[in-house]
Protein backbone atom coordinates (compact mmCIF):
# COMPACT_ATOMS: atom_id res chain seq x y z
CA UNK A 1 -9.95 -6.68 3.56
CA UNK A 2 -7.22 -4.57 4.87
CA UNK A 3 -8.83 -3.85 8.19
CA UNK A 4 -8.70 -7.50 8.92
CA UNK A 5 -4.95 -7.80 8.28
CA UNK A 6 -4.46 -4.53 10.41
CA UNK A 7 -6.69 -6.20 13.22
CA UNK A 8 -4.52 -9.23 12.90
CA UNK A 9 -1.14 -7.39 12.97
CA UNK A 10 -2.33 -5.63 15.84
CA UNK A 11 -3.02 -9.11 17.63
CA UNK A 12 0.74 -9.88 17.00
CA UNK A 13 2.42 -6.60 17.84
CA UNK A 14 -0.12 -4.70 19.76
CA UNK A 15 1.95 -5.23 23.01
CA UNK A 16 5.12 -3.69 22.05
CA UNK A 17 5.24 -0.30 23.80
CA UNK A 18 8.76 1.05 22.38
CA UNK A 19 10.06 0.63 18.75
CA UNK A 20 14.05 0.63 18.68
CA UNK A 21 13.91 1.64 15.13
CA UNK A 22 11.87 1.28 11.85
CA UNK A 23 14.01 -1.84 10.97
CA UNK A 24 12.61 -3.46 14.16
CA UNK A 25 8.97 -2.46 13.04
CA UNK A 26 9.71 -3.82 9.62
CA UNK A 27 10.79 -7.08 10.79
CA UNK A 28 7.74 -7.40 13.37
CA UNK A 29 5.43 -6.38 10.16
CA UNK A 30 6.89 -9.00 8.04
CA UNK A 31 6.93 -11.66 10.67
CA UNK A 32 3.21 -10.97 11.53
CA UNK A 33 2.22 -11.18 7.80
CA UNK A 34 4.17 -14.39 7.37
CA UNK A 35 2.48 -15.64 10.48
CA UNK A 36 -1.19 -14.81 9.15
CA UNK A 37 -0.63 -15.60 5.60
CA UNK A 38 -2.05 -19.18 5.65
CA UNK A 39 -5.40 -17.82 7.05
CA UNK A 40 -5.75 -15.13 4.60
CA UNK A 41 -8.00 -15.72 1.29
CA UNK A 42 -7.44 -14.53 -2.19
CA UNK A 43 -9.16 -11.54 -3.53
CA UNK A 44 -11.78 -12.30 -6.32
CA UNK A 45 -10.17 -10.60 -9.46
CA UNK A 46 -6.59 -10.84 -7.99
CA UNK A 47 -5.31 -11.94 -11.55
CA UNK A 48 -6.43 -8.26 -12.70
CA UNK A 49 -4.20 -6.47 -10.20
CA UNK A 50 -1.22 -6.21 -12.59
CA UNK A 51 -3.28 -4.62 -15.12
CA UNK A 52 -4.86 -2.21 -12.62
CA UNK A 53 -1.35 -1.14 -11.39
CA UNK A 54 -0.09 -0.47 -14.94
CA UNK A 55 -3.41 1.76 -15.64
CA UNK A 56 -2.85 3.70 -12.39
CA UNK A 57 1.14 4.24 -13.32
CA UNK A 58 -0.36 5.41 -16.66
CA UNK A 59 -3.04 7.76 -15.25
CA UNK A 60 -0.60 8.98 -12.75
CA UNK A 61 2.42 9.56 -15.21
CA UNK A 62 0.83 12.94 -16.70
CA UNK A 63 -0.14 14.05 -13.37
CA UNK A 64 2.52 16.29 -11.82
CA UNK A 65 0.40 18.06 -9.18
CA UNK A 66 -0.83 15.17 -7.48
CA UNK A 67 -4.50 15.63 -8.11
CA UNK A 68 -6.34 13.08 -9.93
CA UNK A 69 -7.54 13.47 -13.52
CA UNK A 70 -10.93 11.99 -14.66
CA UNK A 71 -10.82 9.32 -17.06
CA UNK A 72 -12.78 10.25 -20.39
């Protein structure tokens, strides 16, 4: 899924040889995403993404060292 977005963004901004700054890069990415958005399809299970985000936050909250703990 993400590789397709990367490829489409590369098609749009691939010929830029010299970026002036990170703001310019962000503008190009935002413009590219808006341009390719109509051609993207919805992910199956997209309605469950907020629950996944919350579960990941709970798991990472107790993890200070940066290592993942196995869920019991």
